[in-house]
Amino acid sequence: MKKNRGWEYETGGIPDERFIRSKIPMTKEEIRAISLSKLRLGITDKVLDIGAGTGSMSIEAALKVKKGKVFAIEQNLEAVKLIQQNQVLFEIENIEVVYGKAPEALKKIPRVDKIFVGGSHGKIEEIFDWMDSGFLSKGRVVMNFITLENFYQSMMELESRNYHEIEVVEVFISKGKKINHTTMMKGQNPIYIISARKG
């Protein structure tokens, strides 16, 4: 892999402004940093990013799994193009972008070590069905949600299947915004981060 001109540090949480963006939703840098830590990536891991959006999580994961690979699933064609543009920007060679919807597009994906779910589009149960056979031994999953309904359904799926070390973190992020000569804290949507181990 070439030296990545887009990010010169080993720590996670690349500044959002480094990415090529549009109106496509993106996992923010602080949430990425926490989610990446919960994935516990190894250098040779195979990683699946479901609902990859702009590719911010895929990019950061690919920088960590230098001898592994990231599969980025995305159903929005504009987002697919953004992922590819960011892949070029960061000079990342170990990402395979798959255009399609989960779980149908998952049929193209081999068994993986780690899975990140950033978007489910109401297909949570079907995604879990695939994950039951799509993990390598002792794989990990990290899921991000902003709605209570999706969070609740995912917790029920995790608890009814063979998952262990289930952990939930609710994250509230506020960032300073300059107004004239003062700073106002502007809150972002709270995020539920679920992590668990399979098998």
N, C-alpha and C. Protein backbone atom coordinates (compact mmCIF):
# COMPACT_ATOMS: atom_id res chain seq x y z
N MET A 1 0.84 -1.20 0.00
CA MET A 1 0.00 0.00 0.00
C MET A 1 0.88 1.25 0.00
N LYS A 2 0.51 2.22 -0.75
CA LYS A 2 1.26 3.47 -0.81
C LYS A 2 1.05 4.26 0.48
N LYS A 3 1.93 5.23 0.70
CA LYS A 3 1.74 6.15 1.81
C LYS A 3 0.49 6.96 1.55
N ASN A 4 -0.38 7.07 2.54
CA ASN A 4 -1.66 7.74 2.33
C ASN A 4 -1.53 9.23 2.58
N ARG A 5 -1.54 9.99 1.52
CA ARG A 5 -1.36 11.43 1.65
C ARG A 5 -2.54 12.09 2.36
N GLY A 6 -3.69 11.40 2.41
CA GLY A 6 -4.86 12.00 3.05
C GLY A 6 -4.83 11.94 4.55
N TRP A 7 -4.04 11.01 5.13
CA TRP A 7 -4.02 10.88 6.60
C TRP A 7 -2.66 10.39 7.02
N GLU A 8 -1.98 11.17 7.83
CA GLU A 8 -0.58 10.88 8.13
C GLU A 8 -0.35 10.33 9.54
N TYR A 9 -1.41 10.04 10.28
CA TYR A 9 -1.28 9.55 11.64
C TYR A 9 -1.85 8.14 11.79
N GLU A 10 -1.50 7.48 12.88
CA GLU A 10 -1.98 6.13 13.14
C GLU A 10 -3.28 6.12 13.92
N THR A 11 -3.61 7.22 14.57
CA THR A 11 -4.83 7.27 15.37
C THR A 11 -6.07 7.36 14.48
N GLY A 12 -7.21 6.87 15.01
CA GLY A 12 -8.47 6.96 14.28
C GLY A 12 -9.10 8.33 14.44
N GLY A 13 -10.17 8.55 13.71
CA GLY A 13 -10.87 9.82 13.81
C GLY A 13 -10.33 10.86 12.84
N ILE A 14 -10.23 10.49 11.56
CA ILE A 14 -9.79 11.46 10.54
C ILE A 14 -10.77 12.63 10.52
N PRO A 15 -10.29 13.87 10.52
CA PRO A 15 -11.20 15.01 10.48
C PRO A 15 -12.19 14.91 9.32
N ASP A 16 -13.45 15.20 9.59
CA ASP A 16 -14.51 15.07 8.58
C ASP A 16 -14.19 15.85 7.31
N GLU A 17 -13.54 17.01 7.48
CA GLU A 17 -13.30 17.87 6.32
C GLU A 17 -12.25 17.29 5.37
N ARG A 18 -11.54 16.24 5.77
CA ARG A 18 -10.57 15.62 4.88
C ARG A 18 -11.25 14.79 3.79
N PHE A 19 -12.48 14.40 4.03
CA PHE A 19 -13.19 13.54 3.08
C PHE A 19 -13.92 14.36 2.02
N ILE A 20 -14.02 13.79 0.82
CA ILE A 20 -14.90 14.35 -0.21
C ILE A 20 -16.32 14.01 0.21
N ARG A 21 -17.19 15.01 0.29
CA ARG A 21 -18.52 14.80 0.84
C ARG A 21 -19.58 15.41 -0.07
N SER A 22 -20.82 15.02 0.17
CA SER A 22 -21.98 15.65 -0.45
C SER A 22 -23.07 15.63 0.61
N LYS A 23 -24.30 15.42 0.21
CA LYS A 23 -25.39 15.31 1.19
C LYS A 23 -25.57 13.89 1.71
N ILE A 24 -24.72 12.98 1.26
CA ILE A 24 -24.77 11.59 1.73
C ILE A 24 -24.39 11.56 3.22
N PRO A 25 -25.17 10.85 4.06
CA PRO A 25 -24.84 10.78 5.49
C PRO A 25 -23.45 10.18 5.71
N MET A 26 -22.78 10.71 6.74
CA MET A 26 -21.44 10.23 7.05
C MET A 26 -21.30 10.02 8.55
N THR A 27 -20.68 8.92 8.94
CA THR A 27 -20.37 8.69 10.34
C THR A 27 -19.31 9.71 10.76
N LYS A 28 -19.62 10.52 11.77
CA LYS A 28 -18.73 11.61 12.18
C LYS A 28 -17.46 11.07 12.85
N GLU A 29 -16.44 11.91 12.85
CA GLU A 29 -15.10 11.45 13.24
C GLU A 29 -15.04 10.90 14.67
N GLU A 30 -15.71 11.52 15.63
CA GLU A 30 -15.67 11.01 17.00
C GLU A 30 -16.36 9.66 17.12
N ILE A 31 -17.46 9.50 16.40
CA ILE A 31 -18.18 8.22 16.41
C ILE A 31 -17.35 7.15 15.72
N ARG A 32 -16.66 7.53 14.64
CA ARG A 32 -15.77 6.57 13.97
C ARG A 32 -14.68 6.09 14.91
N ALA A 33 -14.10 7.02 15.67
CA ALA A 33 -13.01 6.65 16.57
C ALA A 33 -13.47 5.62 17.60
N ILE A 34 -14.65 5.82 18.16
CA ILE A 34 -15.17 4.88 19.15
C ILE A 34 -15.53 3.55 18.49
N SER A 35 -16.21 3.63 17.34
CA SER A 35 -16.64 2.41 16.64
C SER A 35 -15.44 1.57 16.22
N LEU A 36 -14.39 2.21 15.73
CA LEU A 36 -13.19 1.49 15.33
C LEU A 36 -12.56 0.78 16.52
N SER A 37 -12.55 1.45 17.67
CA SER A 37 -11.96 0.83 18.86
C SER A 37 -12.75 -0.40 19.28
N LYS A 38 -14.08 -0.36 19.11
CA LYS A 38 -14.92 -1.51 19.48
C LYS A 38 -14.77 -2.66 18.49
N LEU A 39 -14.38 -2.38 17.25
CA LEU A 39 -14.16 -3.45 16.26
C LEU A 39 -12.90 -4.26 16.58
N ARG A 40 -11.93 -3.62 17.25
CA ARG A 40 -10.68 -4.30 17.62
C ARG A 40 -10.02 -4.96 16.41
N LEU A 41 -9.68 -4.13 15.47
CA LEU A 41 -9.16 -4.60 14.20
C LEU A 41 -7.74 -5.14 14.31
N GLY A 42 -7.48 -6.20 13.55
CA GLY A 42 -6.14 -6.73 13.39
C GLY A 42 -5.64 -6.44 11.99
N ILE A 43 -4.35 -6.44 11.81
CA ILE A 43 -3.75 -5.99 10.56
C ILE A 43 -4.14 -6.86 9.37
N THR A 44 -4.51 -8.12 9.61
CA THR A 44 -4.87 -9.02 8.50
C THR A 44 -6.38 -9.26 8.40
N ASP A 45 -7.18 -8.54 9.16
CA ASP A 45 -8.62 -8.78 9.21
C ASP A 45 -9.30 -8.50 7.87
N LYS A 46 -10.35 -9.27 7.62
CA LYS A 46 -11.28 -8.97 6.54
C LYS A 46 -12.49 -8.30 7.18
N VAL A 47 -12.85 -7.12 6.68
CA VAL A 47 -13.87 -6.27 7.31
C VAL A 47 -14.99 -5.99 6.32
N LEU A 48 -16.21 -6.00 6.82
CA LEU A 48 -17.38 -5.66 6.02
C LEU A 48 -18.03 -4.40 6.57
N ASP A 49 -18.26 -3.41 5.71
CA ASP A 49 -18.92 -2.16 6.08
C ASP A 49 -20.26 -2.12 5.35
N ILE A 50 -21.36 -2.32 6.10
CA ILE A 50 -22.70 -2.34 5.52
C ILE A 50 -23.33 -0.95 5.62
N GLY A 51 -23.72 -0.39 4.48
CA GLY A 51 -24.24 0.98 4.46
C GLY A 51 -23.10 1.97 4.57
N ALA A 52 -22.14 1.87 3.63
CA ALA A 52 -20.85 2.56 3.77
C ALA A 52 -20.93 4.07 3.58
N GLY A 53 -21.99 4.58 2.97
CA GLY A 53 -22.14 6.04 2.83
C GLY A 53 -21.01 6.66 2.03
N THR A 54 -20.31 7.62 2.63
CA THR A 54 -19.19 8.28 1.95
C THR A 54 -17.92 7.44 1.99
N GLY A 55 -17.95 6.36 2.78
CA GLY A 55 -16.78 5.50 2.88
C GLY A 55 -15.83 5.86 4.01
N SER A 56 -16.26 6.74 4.91
CA SER A 56 -15.35 7.18 5.98
C SER A 56 -14.91 6.03 6.89
N MET A 57 -15.85 5.14 7.27
CA MET A 57 -15.48 4.00 8.10
C MET A 57 -14.63 3.00 7.30
N SER A 58 -14.98 2.78 6.05
CA SER A 58 -14.21 1.87 5.20
C SER A 58 -12.77 2.36 5.06
N ILE A 59 -12.60 3.66 4.84
CA ILE A 59 -11.27 4.23 4.69
C ILE A 59 -10.45 4.03 5.95
N GLU A 60 -11.06 4.37 7.10
CA GLU A 60 -10.32 4.25 8.36
C GLU A 60 -10.00 2.80 8.67
N ALA A 61 -10.93 1.90 8.42
CA ALA A 61 -10.68 0.48 8.66
C ALA A 61 -9.56 -0.03 7.75
N ALA A 62 -9.58 0.39 6.49
CA ALA A 62 -8.57 -0.06 5.53
C ALA A 62 -7.17 0.38 5.94
N LEU A 63 -7.07 1.56 6.55
CA LEU A 63 -5.77 2.03 7.03
C LEU A 63 -5.23 1.17 8.16
N LYS A 64 -6.14 0.52 8.90
CA LYS A 64 -5.72 -0.33 10.03
C LYS A 64 -5.42 -1.76 9.58
N VAL A 65 -6.20 -2.27 8.62
CA VAL A 65 -6.01 -3.67 8.19
C VAL A 65 -5.15 -3.69 6.93
N LYS A 66 -3.94 -3.24 7.07
CA LYS A 66 -3.05 -3.04 5.92
C LYS A 66 -2.80 -4.32 5.12
N LYS A 67 -2.84 -5.46 5.79
CA LYS A 67 -2.64 -6.74 5.10
C LYS A 67 -3.96 -7.49 4.95
N GLY A 68 -5.06 -6.82 5.24
CA GLY A 68 -6.39 -7.41 5.11
C GLY A 68 -7.17 -6.73 4.01
N LYS A 69 -8.49 -6.73 4.15
CA LYS A 69 -9.33 -6.16 3.11
C LYS A 69 -10.64 -5.66 3.70
N VAL A 70 -11.19 -4.62 3.08
CA VAL A 70 -12.48 -4.06 3.48
C VAL A 70 -13.45 -4.19 2.32
N PHE A 71 -14.64 -4.71 2.60
CA PHE A 71 -15.73 -4.77 1.62
C PHE A 71 -16.76 -3.71 2.00
N ALA A 72 -16.99 -2.75 1.13
CA ALA A 72 -17.91 -1.65 1.40
C ALA A 72 -19.20 -1.85 0.61
N ILE A 73 -20.30 -2.09 1.31
CA ILE A 73 -21.61 -2.30 0.67
C ILE A 73 -22.39 -1.00 0.70
N GLU A 74 -22.88 -0.57 -0.46
CA GLU A 74 -23.67 0.67 -0.51
C GLU A 74 -24.68 0.59 -1.64
N GLN A 75 -25.94 0.99 -1.36
CA GLN A 75 -27.01 0.89 -2.34
C GLN A 75 -27.27 2.19 -3.10
N ASN A 76 -26.64 3.29 -2.66
CA ASN A 76 -26.83 4.58 -3.30
C ASN A 76 -25.68 4.81 -4.28
N LEU A 77 -25.99 4.98 -5.55
CA LEU A 77 -24.95 5.09 -6.57
C LEU A 77 -24.08 6.33 -6.36
N GLU A 78 -24.70 7.44 -5.92
CA GLU A 78 -23.90 8.64 -5.63
C GLU A 78 -22.90 8.37 -4.52
N ALA A 79 -23.35 7.64 -3.51
CA ALA A 79 -22.45 7.29 -2.40
C ALA A 79 -21.33 6.37 -2.87
N VAL A 80 -21.64 5.43 -3.75
CA VAL A 80 -20.62 4.53 -4.29
C VAL A 80 -19.51 5.35 -4.96
N LYS A 81 -19.90 6.35 -5.73
CA LYS A 81 -18.92 7.20 -6.40
C LYS A 81 -18.09 7.98 -5.40
N LEU A 82 -18.72 8.41 -4.30
CA LEU A 82 -17.99 9.13 -3.25
C LEU A 82 -16.96 8.22 -2.58
N ILE A 83 -17.36 6.99 -2.31
CA ILE A 83 -16.41 6.03 -1.72
C ILE A 83 -15.20 5.86 -2.63
N GLN A 84 -15.46 5.71 -3.91
CA GLN A 84 -14.37 5.51 -4.87
C GLN A 84 -13.48 6.75 -4.96
N GLN A 85 -14.09 7.93 -4.90
CA GLN A 85 -13.31 9.17 -4.92
C GLN A 85 -12.44 9.30 -3.67
N ASN A 86 -13.00 8.94 -2.51
CA ASN A 86 -12.23 9.00 -1.27
C ASN A 86 -11.14 7.93 -1.25
N GLN A 87 -11.42 6.80 -1.88
CA GLN A 87 -10.42 5.74 -1.98
C GLN A 87 -9.21 6.25 -2.77
N VAL A 88 -9.45 6.97 -3.84
CA VAL A 88 -8.37 7.55 -4.63
C VAL A 88 -7.66 8.64 -3.83
N LEU A 89 -8.43 9.49 -3.14
CA LEU A 89 -7.85 10.58 -2.36
C LEU A 89 -6.88 10.08 -1.32
N PHE A 90 -7.27 9.01 -0.61
CA PHE A 90 -6.43 8.47 0.46
C PHE A 90 -5.46 7.38 -0.03
N GLU A 91 -5.47 7.13 -1.33
CA GLU A 91 -4.59 6.13 -1.95
C GLU A 91 -4.75 4.77 -1.28
N ILE A 92 -5.99 4.34 -1.13
CA ILE A 92 -6.32 3.07 -0.50
C ILE A 92 -6.55 2.01 -1.57
N GLU A 93 -5.87 0.88 -1.45
CA GLU A 93 -5.98 -0.17 -2.45
C GLU A 93 -6.72 -1.41 -1.94
N ASN A 94 -6.96 -1.49 -0.63
CA ASN A 94 -7.54 -2.72 -0.07
C ASN A 94 -9.01 -2.56 0.30
N ILE A 95 -9.75 -1.79 -0.50
CA ILE A 95 -11.21 -1.68 -0.36
C ILE A 95 -11.86 -2.18 -1.65
N GLU A 96 -12.84 -3.05 -1.50
CA GLU A 96 -13.67 -3.48 -2.62
C GLU A 96 -15.07 -2.91 -2.42
N VAL A 97 -15.50 -2.04 -3.31
CA VAL A 97 -16.81 -1.42 -3.20
C VAL A 97 -17.84 -2.29 -3.93
N VAL A 98 -18.92 -2.61 -3.23
CA VAL A 98 -19.98 -3.45 -3.79
C VAL A 98 -21.26 -2.63 -3.85
N TYR A 99 -21.75 -2.41 -5.05
CA TYR A 99 -22.99 -1.65 -5.23
C TYR A 99 -24.18 -2.60 -5.10
N GLY A 100 -25.05 -2.31 -4.13
CA GLY A 100 -26.22 -3.15 -3.93
C GLY A 100 -26.78 -3.01 -2.53
N LYS A 101 -27.91 -3.69 -2.31
CA LYS A 101 -28.58 -3.62 -1.02
C LYS A 101 -28.25 -4.86 -0.19
N ALA A 102 -28.10 -4.63 1.12
CA ALA A 102 -28.00 -5.77 2.04
C ALA A 102 -29.44 -6.21 2.37
N PRO A 103 -29.70 -7.52 2.45
CA PRO A 103 -28.72 -8.60 2.48
C PRO A 103 -28.40 -9.20 1.10
N GLU A 104 -29.11 -8.79 0.03
CA GLU A 104 -28.89 -9.43 -1.28
C GLU A 104 -27.42 -9.31 -1.72
N ALA A 105 -26.83 -8.11 -1.56
CA ALA A 105 -25.46 -7.89 -2.00
C ALA A 105 -24.45 -8.67 -1.18
N LEU A 106 -24.85 -9.13 -0.01
CA LEU A 106 -23.93 -9.85 0.87
C LEU A 106 -23.57 -11.22 0.30
N LYS A 107 -24.37 -11.71 -0.66
CA LYS A 107 -24.07 -12.99 -1.28
C LYS A 107 -22.75 -12.96 -2.03
N LYS A 108 -22.28 -11.75 -2.35
CA LYS A 108 -21.02 -11.60 -3.08
C LYS A 108 -19.81 -11.53 -2.14
N ILE A 109 -20.07 -11.51 -0.82
CA ILE A 109 -19.02 -11.27 0.16
C ILE A 109 -18.56 -12.58 0.80
N PRO A 110 -17.25 -12.80 0.90
CA PRO A 110 -16.76 -14.00 1.60
C PRO A 110 -16.92 -13.84 3.11
N ARG A 111 -16.61 -14.89 3.86
CA ARG A 111 -16.65 -14.81 5.31
C ARG A 111 -15.63 -13.78 5.80
N VAL A 112 -16.01 -13.02 6.82
CA VAL A 112 -15.18 -11.92 7.29
C VAL A 112 -14.95 -12.04 8.80
N ASP A 113 -13.99 -11.24 9.29
CA ASP A 113 -13.65 -11.22 10.71
C ASP A 113 -14.45 -10.19 11.49
N LYS A 114 -14.68 -9.03 10.88
CA LYS A 114 -15.33 -7.93 11.58
C LYS A 114 -16.39 -7.31 10.67
N ILE A 115 -17.49 -6.89 11.28
CA ILE A 115 -18.58 -6.26 10.52
C ILE A 115 -18.99 -4.96 11.19
N PHE A 116 -19.10 -3.91 10.41
CA PHE A 116 -19.65 -2.64 10.88
C PHE A 116 -20.94 -2.38 10.14
N VAL A 117 -22.01 -2.09 10.88
CA VAL A 117 -23.30 -1.77 10.29
C VAL A 117 -23.60 -0.29 10.56
N GLY A 118 -23.51 0.51 9.50
CA GLY A 118 -23.82 1.93 9.62
C GLY A 118 -25.21 2.26 9.12
N GLY A 119 -25.78 1.36 8.31
CA GLY A 119 -27.13 1.56 7.79
C GLY A 119 -27.75 0.23 7.45
N SER A 120 -29.01 0.05 7.86
CA SER A 120 -29.66 -1.25 7.65
C SER A 120 -30.88 -1.17 6.73
N HIS A 121 -31.44 0.02 6.56
CA HIS A 121 -32.62 0.23 5.71
C HIS A 121 -33.74 -0.76 6.03
N GLY A 122 -33.95 -0.99 7.33
CA GLY A 122 -35.06 -1.84 7.76
C GLY A 122 -34.84 -3.31 7.56
N LYS A 123 -33.61 -3.73 7.25
CA LYS A 123 -33.32 -5.15 6.96
C LYS A 123 -32.48 -5.77 8.08
N ILE A 124 -32.73 -5.38 9.32
CA ILE A 124 -31.89 -5.83 10.43
C ILE A 124 -31.94 -7.35 10.59
N GLU A 125 -33.14 -7.93 10.61
CA GLU A 125 -33.26 -9.37 10.80
C GLU A 125 -32.56 -10.12 9.68
N GLU A 126 -32.74 -9.67 8.43
CA GLU A 126 -32.13 -10.34 7.29
C GLU A 126 -30.59 -10.24 7.34
N ILE A 127 -30.09 -9.09 7.80
CA ILE A 127 -28.65 -8.92 7.93
C ILE A 127 -28.10 -9.87 8.99
N PHE A 128 -28.83 -10.02 10.09
CA PHE A 128 -28.41 -10.96 11.13
C PHE A 128 -28.43 -12.39 10.62
N ASP A 129 -29.43 -12.71 9.79
CA ASP A 129 -29.48 -14.06 9.21
C ASP A 129 -28.20 -14.35 8.43
N TRP A 130 -27.75 -13.35 7.64
CA TRP A 130 -26.52 -13.54 6.89
C TRP A 130 -25.33 -13.63 7.82
N MET A 131 -25.29 -12.78 8.84
CA MET A 131 -24.15 -12.78 9.76
C MET A 131 -23.99 -14.10 10.48
N ASP A 132 -25.07 -14.80 10.68
CA ASP A 132 -24.98 -16.10 11.36
C ASP A 132 -24.04 -17.06 10.64
N SER A 133 -23.93 -16.91 9.32
CA SER A 133 -23.04 -17.79 8.56
C SER A 133 -21.91 -17.02 7.88
N GLY A 134 -21.92 -15.72 8.00
CA GLY A 134 -20.94 -14.90 7.28
C GLY A 134 -19.70 -14.55 8.07
N PHE A 135 -19.67 -14.89 9.38
CA PHE A 135 -18.51 -14.59 10.20
C PHE A 135 -17.49 -15.72 10.17
N LEU A 136 -16.23 -15.36 10.27
CA LEU A 136 -15.21 -16.31 10.65
C LEU A 136 -15.32 -16.52 12.16
N SER A 137 -14.54 -17.44 12.71
CA SER A 137 -14.68 -17.74 14.14
C SER A 137 -14.36 -16.53 15.00
N LYS A 138 -15.17 -16.34 16.02
CA LYS A 138 -15.00 -15.26 17.01
C LYS A 138 -14.92 -13.88 16.36
N GLY A 139 -15.81 -13.66 15.39
CA GLY A 139 -15.86 -12.35 14.75
C GLY A 139 -16.54 -11.32 15.64
N ARG A 140 -16.36 -10.06 15.28
CA ARG A 140 -16.99 -8.98 16.05
C ARG A 140 -17.88 -8.15 15.15
N VAL A 141 -18.95 -7.61 15.73
CA VAL A 141 -19.84 -6.72 15.01
C VAL A 141 -20.01 -5.43 15.81
N VAL A 142 -20.02 -4.31 15.11
CA VAL A 142 -20.31 -3.01 15.71
C VAL A 142 -21.40 -2.37 14.88
N MET A 143 -22.43 -1.87 15.56
CA MET A 143 -23.59 -1.28 14.87
C MET A 143 -23.85 0.12 15.43
N ASN A 144 -24.13 1.06 14.53
CA ASN A 144 -24.48 2.43 14.93
C ASN A 144 -25.93 2.70 14.60
N PHE A 145 -26.67 3.27 15.56
CA PHE A 145 -28.08 3.59 15.33
C PHE A 145 -28.41 4.96 15.91
N ILE A 146 -29.36 5.63 15.25
CA ILE A 146 -29.88 6.89 15.80
C ILE A 146 -31.33 6.75 16.24
N THR A 147 -32.00 5.65 15.84
CA THR A 147 -33.40 5.47 16.22
C THR A 147 -33.54 4.38 17.28
N LEU A 148 -34.48 4.57 18.18
CA LEU A 148 -34.73 3.61 19.25
C LEU A 148 -35.23 2.28 18.71
N GLU A 149 -36.04 2.34 17.65
CA GLU A 149 -36.62 1.12 17.10
C GLU A 149 -35.55 0.17 16.55
N ASN A 150 -34.63 0.72 15.76
CA ASN A 150 -33.56 -0.11 15.20
C ASN A 150 -32.60 -0.59 16.29
N PHE A 151 -32.34 0.27 17.25
CA PHE A 151 -31.51 -0.12 18.39
C PHE A 151 -32.13 -1.29 19.15
N TYR A 152 -33.41 -1.17 19.45
CA TYR A 152 -34.11 -2.21 20.21
C TYR A 152 -34.13 -3.53 19.44
N GLN A 153 -34.46 -3.47 18.15
CA GLN A 153 -34.53 -4.69 17.35
C GLN A 153 -33.16 -5.38 17.29
N SER A 154 -32.10 -4.61 17.14
CA SER A 154 -30.76 -5.18 17.08
C SER A 154 -30.37 -5.83 18.40
N MET A 155 -30.75 -5.22 19.51
CA MET A 155 -30.45 -5.81 20.82
C MET A 155 -31.18 -7.14 20.97
N MET A 156 -32.42 -7.21 20.52
CA MET A 156 -33.18 -8.45 20.61
C MET A 156 -32.55 -9.55 19.75
N GLU A 157 -32.07 -9.16 18.57
CA GLU A 157 -31.42 -10.14 17.69
C GLU A 157 -30.13 -10.65 18.32
N LEU A 158 -29.34 -9.76 18.87
CA LEU A 158 -28.07 -10.16 19.49
C LEU A 158 -28.30 -11.12 20.65
N GLU A 159 -29.31 -10.83 21.46
CA GLU A 159 -29.55 -11.62 22.66
C GLU A 159 -30.19 -12.98 22.35
N SER A 160 -30.85 -13.08 21.18
CA SER A 160 -31.51 -14.34 20.83
C SER A 160 -30.62 -15.24 19.98
N ARG A 161 -29.46 -14.76 19.60
CA ARG A 161 -28.53 -15.53 18.77
C ARG A 161 -27.23 -15.73 19.54
N ASN A 162 -26.27 -16.36 18.91
CA ASN A 162 -25.04 -16.75 19.60
C ASN A 162 -24.02 -15.61 19.64
N TYR A 163 -24.38 -14.52 20.34
CA TYR A 163 -23.47 -13.39 20.51
C TYR A 163 -23.12 -13.22 21.98
N HIS A 164 -21.89 -12.76 22.23
CA HIS A 164 -21.40 -12.60 23.59
C HIS A 164 -20.77 -11.23 23.75
N GLU A 165 -20.47 -10.87 24.98
CA GLU A 165 -19.81 -9.59 25.29
C GLU A 165 -20.57 -8.42 24.66
N ILE A 166 -21.89 -8.48 24.75
CA ILE A 166 -22.73 -7.41 24.18
C ILE A 166 -22.55 -6.14 25.01
N GLU A 167 -22.22 -5.06 24.34
CA GLU A 167 -21.98 -3.79 25.01
C GLU A 167 -22.72 -2.67 24.27
N VAL A 168 -23.29 -1.75 25.03
CA VAL A 168 -24.00 -0.61 24.44
C VAL A 168 -23.39 0.68 24.98
N VAL A 169 -23.10 1.60 24.08
CA VAL A 169 -22.61 2.92 24.46
C VAL A 169 -23.50 3.95 23.79
N GLU A 170 -24.03 4.88 24.56
CA GLU A 170 -24.78 6.00 23.98
C GLU A 170 -23.87 7.22 24.01
N VAL A 171 -23.70 7.83 22.84
CA VAL A 171 -22.73 8.91 22.70
C VAL A 171 -23.43 10.21 22.34
N PHE A 172 -23.15 11.24 23.12
CA PHE A 172 -23.64 12.59 22.83
C PHE A 172 -22.43 13.45 22.49
N ILE A 173 -22.43 14.03 21.32
CA ILE A 173 -21.32 14.89 20.89
C ILE A 173 -21.84 16.31 20.68
N SER A 174 -21.15 17.27 21.29
CA SER A 174 -21.39 18.68 21.02
C SER A 174 -20.08 19.31 20.57
N LYS A 175 -20.15 20.14 19.56
CA LYS A 175 -18.93 20.77 19.04
C LYS A 175 -19.10 22.29 19.05
N GLY A 176 -18.01 22.96 19.37
CA GLY A 176 -18.06 24.41 19.45
C GLY A 176 -18.23 25.07 18.09
N LYS A 177 -19.11 26.06 18.06
CA LYS A 177 -19.35 26.84 16.84
C LYS A 177 -19.21 28.31 17.17
N LYS A 178 -18.37 29.00 16.40
CA LYS A 178 -18.13 30.42 16.65
C LYS A 178 -19.32 31.27 16.22
N ILE A 179 -19.78 32.13 17.12
CA ILE A 179 -20.82 33.12 16.81
C ILE A 179 -20.27 34.47 17.25
N ASN A 180 -19.92 35.28 16.26
CA ASN A 180 -19.23 36.55 16.53
C ASN A 180 -17.94 36.26 17.30
N HIS A 181 -17.85 36.74 18.55
CA HIS A 181 -16.64 36.53 19.33
C HIS A 181 -16.85 35.52 20.45
N THR A 182 -17.93 34.74 20.35
CA THR A 182 -18.22 33.75 21.38
C THR A 182 -18.31 32.35 20.77
N THR A 183 -18.34 31.36 21.63
CA THR A 183 -18.44 29.97 21.18
C THR A 183 -19.69 29.32 21.74
N MET A 184 -20.51 28.77 20.86
CA MET A 184 -21.72 28.06 21.28
C MET A 184 -21.53 26.58 20.99
N MET A 185 -21.93 25.74 21.94
CA MET A 185 -21.85 24.30 21.73
C MET A 185 -23.07 23.83 20.96
N LYS A 186 -22.84 23.21 19.79
CA LYS A 186 -23.92 22.73 18.95
C LYS A 186 -23.97 21.21 19.02
N GLY A 187 -25.09 20.68 19.48
CA GLY A 187 -25.22 19.25 19.68
C GLY A 187 -25.53 18.50 18.39
N GLN A 188 -24.99 17.27 18.28
CA GLN A 188 -25.30 16.36 17.19
C GLN A 188 -26.28 15.31 17.70
N ASN A 189 -26.87 14.56 16.79
CA ASN A 189 -27.80 13.50 17.21
C ASN A 189 -27.07 12.49 18.10
N PRO A 190 -27.71 12.06 19.19
CA PRO A 190 -27.10 10.99 19.99
C PRO A 190 -27.04 9.69 19.18
N ILE A 191 -25.99 8.92 19.38
CA ILE A 191 -25.75 7.69 18.64
C ILE A 191 -25.65 6.53 19.62
N TYR A 192 -26.33 5.42 19.28
CA TYR A 192 -26.19 4.17 20.03
C TYR A 192 -25.16 3.31 19.31
N ILE A 193 -24.10 2.94 20.02
CA ILE A 193 -23.07 2.07 19.47
C ILE A 193 -23.15 0.73 20.18
N ILE A 194 -23.50 -0.31 19.42
CA ILE A 194 -23.59 -1.65 19.96
C ILE A 194 -22.40 -2.46 19.45
N SER A 195 -21.76 -3.19 20.34
CA SER A 195 -20.68 -4.09 19.92
C SER A 195 -20.89 -5.45 20.56
N ALA A 196 -20.44 -6.50 19.86
CA ALA A 196 -20.61 -7.86 20.37
C ALA A 196 -19.65 -8.79 19.66
N ARG A 197 -19.44 -9.96 20.26
CA ARG A 197 -18.61 -11.00 19.66
C ARG A 197 -19.48 -12.17 19.25
N LYS A 198 -19.21 -12.71 18.09
CA LYS A 198 -19.96 -13.85 17.57
C LYS A 198 -19.25 -15.16 17.91
N GLY A 199 -20.00 -16.12 18.49
CA GLY A 199 -19.44 -17.42 18.76
C GLY A 199 -18.63 -17.47 20.06
